[in-house]
Protein backbone atom coordinates (compact mmCIF):
# COMPACT_ATOMS: atom_id res chain seq x y z
CA MET A 1 -18.61 -2.81 34.13
CA VAL A 2 -15.45 -2.87 32.04
CA ILE A 3 -15.90 -1.54 28.52
CA CYS A 4 -13.74 -3.46 26.07
CA ILE A 5 -11.50 -1.33 23.93
CA LYS A 6 -13.07 -2.90 20.85
CA ASP A 7 -16.38 -1.26 21.78
CA LYS A 8 -14.78 2.16 21.46
CA ILE A 9 -11.84 1.74 19.10
CA LYS A 10 -12.42 -0.09 15.84
CA ASN A 11 -9.73 -2.02 13.98
CA VAL A 12 -9.15 -1.19 10.33
CA ASN A 13 -6.75 -3.82 9.06
CA ALA A 14 -6.04 -2.35 5.65
CA VAL A 15 -2.47 -3.62 5.93
CA ILE A 16 -1.68 -7.15 7.12
CA GLY A 17 1.81 -8.47 7.73
CA CYS A 18 4.96 -7.76 9.74
CA ASN A 19 8.51 -9.10 9.76
CA ILE A 20 9.63 -7.97 13.22
CA GLY A 21 8.92 -11.43 14.65
CA CYS A 22 7.85 -10.71 18.23
CA ARG A 23 7.54 -13.87 20.33
CA TYR A 24 4.15 -12.74 21.64
CA CYS A 25 2.68 -11.63 18.29
CA TYR A 26 -1.07 -12.28 18.22
CA ALA A 27 -1.49 -10.83 14.72
CA LYS A 28 0.58 -13.55 13.10
CA ALA A 29 -1.47 -16.22 14.85
CA VAL A 30 -4.73 -14.60 13.72
CA ALA A 31 -3.49 -14.27 10.14
CA LYS A 32 -2.49 -17.94 10.10
CA ARG A 33 -5.74 -19.14 11.66
CA PHE A 34 -7.93 -17.28 9.17
CA HIS A 35 -5.57 -17.62 6.18
CA LEU A 36 -5.44 -13.84 5.73
CA VAL A 37 -2.09 -13.79 3.91
CA ASP A 38 0.24 -16.34 2.36
CA ASP A 39 3.37 -14.94 4.00
CA PHE A 40 2.92 -12.80 7.12
CA THR A 41 6.46 -11.41 6.78
CA LYS A 42 5.46 -9.65 3.55
CA PRO A 43 2.76 -7.02 4.27
CA ILE A 44 -0.07 -6.60 1.79
CA ALA A 45 -2.67 -3.85 1.62
CA ASP A 46 -6.36 -3.53 0.81
CA LEU A 47 -6.74 0.23 0.76
CA HIS A 48 -10.49 0.05 0.18
CA LYS A 49 -10.78 -0.76 3.89
CA LEU A 50 -9.47 2.70 4.68
CA GLU A 51 -12.73 4.16 3.39
CA ARG A 52 -14.14 3.46 6.85
CA LEU A 53 -12.19 6.50 8.02
CA ARG A 54 -14.78 8.71 6.32
CA LYS A 55 -17.19 7.90 9.16
CA PRO A 56 -16.33 9.72 12.41
CA GLY A 57 -14.90 7.37 14.98
CA VAL A 58 -11.66 6.15 16.54
CA TYR A 59 -9.76 3.65 14.38
CA PHE A 60 -6.66 1.59 15.12
CA LEU A 61 -4.84 1.18 11.82
CA THR A 62 -1.87 -1.04 12.65
CA GLY A 63 -3.39 -3.91 14.61
CA MET A 64 -2.13 -6.43 12.05
CA SER A 65 0.98 -4.59 10.89
CA ASP A 66 3.67 -2.07 11.85
CA LEU A 67 3.70 1.45 10.46
CA TYR A 68 7.36 1.27 9.43
CA LEU A 69 6.47 -1.44 6.90
CA TRP A 70 3.73 0.62 5.23
CA LYS A 71 4.55 1.78 1.73
CA LYS A 72 4.42 5.52 1.15
CA GLU A 73 1.23 5.28 -0.91
CA TRP A 74 -0.50 3.42 1.93
CA VAL A 75 0.44 6.09 4.45
CA ASP A 76 -0.50 8.87 2.03
CA LYS A 77 -3.93 7.37 1.41
CA SER A 78 -4.70 7.06 5.11
CA PHE A 79 -3.53 10.64 5.73
CA GLU A 80 -5.65 11.88 2.82
CA LEU A 81 -8.78 10.32 4.30
CA LEU A 82 -8.03 11.64 7.78
CA ARG A 83 -7.70 15.17 6.41
CA GLU A 84 -11.03 14.78 4.64
CA SER A 85 -12.64 13.54 7.89
CA PRO A 86 -11.40 15.85 10.67
CA ARG A 87 -13.72 14.28 13.27
CA THR A 88 -12.09 10.89 12.75
CA VAL A 89 -9.14 9.77 14.91
CA GLY A 90 -6.57 7.42 13.36
CA ILE A 91 -4.18 5.56 15.66
CA TYR A 92 -0.84 4.21 14.42
CA LEU A 93 1.83 2.15 16.19
CA THR A 94 5.38 1.14 15.40
CA LYS A 95 8.24 -0.72 17.04
CA ALA A 96 10.75 0.85 14.65
CA PRO A 97 10.38 4.66 14.82
CA ASN A 98 14.06 4.96 13.83
CA LYS A 99 13.10 3.67 10.37
CA ILE A 100 10.34 6.23 9.75
CA LYS A 101 10.46 9.88 8.68
CA LEU A 102 7.17 11.79 8.77
CA ASP A 103 6.66 15.52 9.13
CA ASP A 104 3.33 16.16 7.41
CA VAL A 105 1.03 14.26 9.74
CA PRO A 106 -2.67 15.20 10.00
CA ASP A 107 -3.73 16.70 13.33
CA ASN A 108 -6.19 13.83 13.87
CA ALA A 109 -3.52 11.14 13.48
CA TRP A 110 -2.08 9.70 16.70
CA MET A 111 1.44 8.34 16.39
CA GLY A 112 2.85 5.96 18.94
CA VAL A 113 5.34 3.28 19.84
CA THR A 114 5.14 -0.02 21.68
CA ILE A 115 7.28 -0.26 24.81
CA THR A 116 7.39 -3.53 26.73
CA SER A 117 10.60 -3.21 28.77
CA LYS A 118 13.46 -0.84 29.57
CA ALA A 119 15.25 -2.11 26.48
CA ASP A 120 12.52 -0.49 24.37
CA LEU A 121 12.67 2.98 25.93
CA TRP A 122 14.84 4.31 23.09
CA ARG A 123 11.71 4.17 20.93
CA LEU A 124 10.16 7.09 22.81
CA LYS A 125 12.97 9.47 21.87
CA ALA A 126 13.11 8.11 18.31
CA LEU A 127 9.35 8.62 17.93
CA LYS A 128 9.60 12.33 18.67
CA GLU A 129 12.72 12.79 16.57
CA ASN A 130 11.46 11.04 13.45
CA ILE A 131 7.71 11.64 13.45
CA LYS A 132 6.57 15.24 13.86
CA CYS A 133 2.91 15.39 14.86
CA LYS A 134 0.42 16.90 17.25
CA ASN A 135 -0.55 13.75 19.13
CA TYR A 136 1.76 11.12 20.60
CA HIS A 137 0.81 7.98 22.51
CA ILE A 138 2.47 4.85 23.89
CA THR A 139 1.25 1.28 24.18
CA PHE A 140 2.83 -0.62 27.06
CA GLU A 141 1.66 -4.02 25.94
CA PRO A 142 2.69 -6.54 26.92
CA LEU A 143 4.29 -4.96 29.98
CA PHE A 144 7.28 -7.11 30.97
CA GLU A 145 8.86 -5.16 33.84
CA ASP A 146 8.80 -2.05 36.00
CA LEU A 147 9.90 0.79 33.72
CA GLY A 148 10.92 3.20 36.46
CA ASP A 149 10.46 6.96 36.28
CA ILE A 150 10.30 7.42 32.52
CA ASP A 151 9.87 10.77 30.80
CA LEU A 152 6.35 10.99 29.34
CA SER A 153 6.47 14.65 28.37
CA GLY A 154 4.51 15.27 25.19
CA ILE A 155 2.60 11.98 25.52
CA LYS A 156 -1.17 12.43 25.71
CA TRP A 157 -2.41 8.85 26.02
CA ILE A 158 -1.04 5.51 27.17
CA VAL A 159 -2.44 2.00 26.87
CA ILE A 160 -1.31 -0.70 29.29
CA GLY A 161 -1.77 -4.42 28.76
CA THR A 162 -0.46 -7.83 29.78
CA GLU A 163 0.68 -10.72 27.62
CA THR A 164 -2.16 -12.91 26.39
CA GLY A 165 -2.25 -16.52 25.25
CA ASN A 166 -0.14 -19.36 26.60
CA CYS A 167 3.05 -19.20 24.57
CA LYS A 168 6.34 -20.41 26.02
CA GLY A 169 8.01 -17.85 28.27
CA LYS A 170 4.81 -15.89 28.93
CA ILE A 171 5.24 -12.99 31.36
CA ASP A 172 2.26 -11.64 33.28
CA ALA A 173 2.35 -7.96 34.25
CA LYS A 174 2.55 -7.31 37.98
CA LYS A 175 0.24 -4.92 39.81
CA GLU A 176 3.15 -2.93 41.21
CA TRP A 177 4.57 -2.34 37.72
CA VAL A 178 1.22 -1.05 36.51
CA ASP A 179 0.62 1.07 39.62
CA HIS A 180 3.99 2.77 39.22
CA LEU A 181 3.40 3.44 35.53
CA VAL A 182 -0.02 4.92 36.32
CA ASN A 183 1.53 7.24 38.91
CA VAL A 184 4.14 8.43 36.42
CA ALA A 185 1.50 8.98 33.75
CA ARG A 186 -0.63 11.02 36.16
CA GLU A 187 2.34 13.30 36.86
CA TYR A 188 2.53 14.09 33.13
CA GLY A 189 -1.23 14.46 32.65
CA CYS A 190 -1.58 11.43 30.37
CA LYS A 191 -4.89 9.74 29.81
CA ILE A 192 -4.69 6.04 30.67
CA PHE A 193 -6.41 2.99 29.21
CA PHE A 194 -6.14 -0.54 30.60
CA LYS A 195 -6.68 -3.37 28.13
CA GLU A 196 -9.39 -5.76 29.25
CA ASP A 197 -7.04 -8.70 29.89
CA LEU A 198 -5.04 -6.53 32.28
CA VAL A 199 -8.24 -5.60 34.11
CA TYR A 200 -9.70 -9.08 34.41
CA ASN A 201 -6.51 -11.08 35.01
CA ILE A 202 -4.20 -8.70 36.87
CA MET A 203 -5.68 -5.49 38.28
CA GLY A 204 -9.35 -6.28 38.96
CA GLU A 205 -12.38 -4.25 37.93
CA GLU A 206 -12.18 -2.02 41.01
CA LYS A 207 -8.85 -0.65 39.73
CA SER A 208 -9.86 -0.39 36.09
CA ILE A 209 -8.91 2.78 34.23
CA GLN A 210 -10.26 3.22 30.71
CA GLU A 211 -9.83 6.83 29.69
CA LEU A 212 -9.86 8.32 26.21
CA THR A 213 -8.64 11.74 25.18
CA LEU A 214 -11.04 14.60 24.49
CA GLU A 215 -10.41 14.22 20.76
CA MET A 216 -11.32 10.56 20.91
CA GLU A 217 -14.46 11.21 22.93
CA GLU A 218 -15.55 13.83 20.39
CA ALA A 219 -14.99 11.41 17.52
CA LEU A 220 -17.26 8.86 19.21
CA LYS A 221 -20.23 11.21 19.63
């Protein structure tokens, strides 16, 4: 039985909006469908939603935004709550680590980048250079090609997914791309989590991998 990531990791969409303009962006479509914001390119915040961080758990904080677009007071508030709730895990993602400078990150904050192709690999180096923290992760979603033998040193957790929806130019991940990435991650001791669409549509349940880190498992107890 595949356990959906939503059953373990909860979304806290305290910030909604992004101006990066990815072709495959699901967040923009969701925001438009439910009329969440007037202009998705201009992020807005409802910091009261961050109060959920007081309850131990694993929370994804940038599902409808990108960390580089968060105002300083938004970041500070989320960090404040994470420090007050050491059993909570907060997960952040960005596609623009070169535009962020953070060096006072709580130990229970997980900072990561999205990498979809070889053209994005620069983000891994920029992440480590610009964000100093204890826990790094990468989301390879959607995975658009074989990434080769990439350097995952210092990365504790990776998430792998395929493109969803039926937009023009859709690229489905291939099993051999995923298998190679898994082998590389194992060499570096990374925990691995397949998104459910990757499991059901590409890999099959018999090859499902849905691991969390020890810190995440503790937060879910």
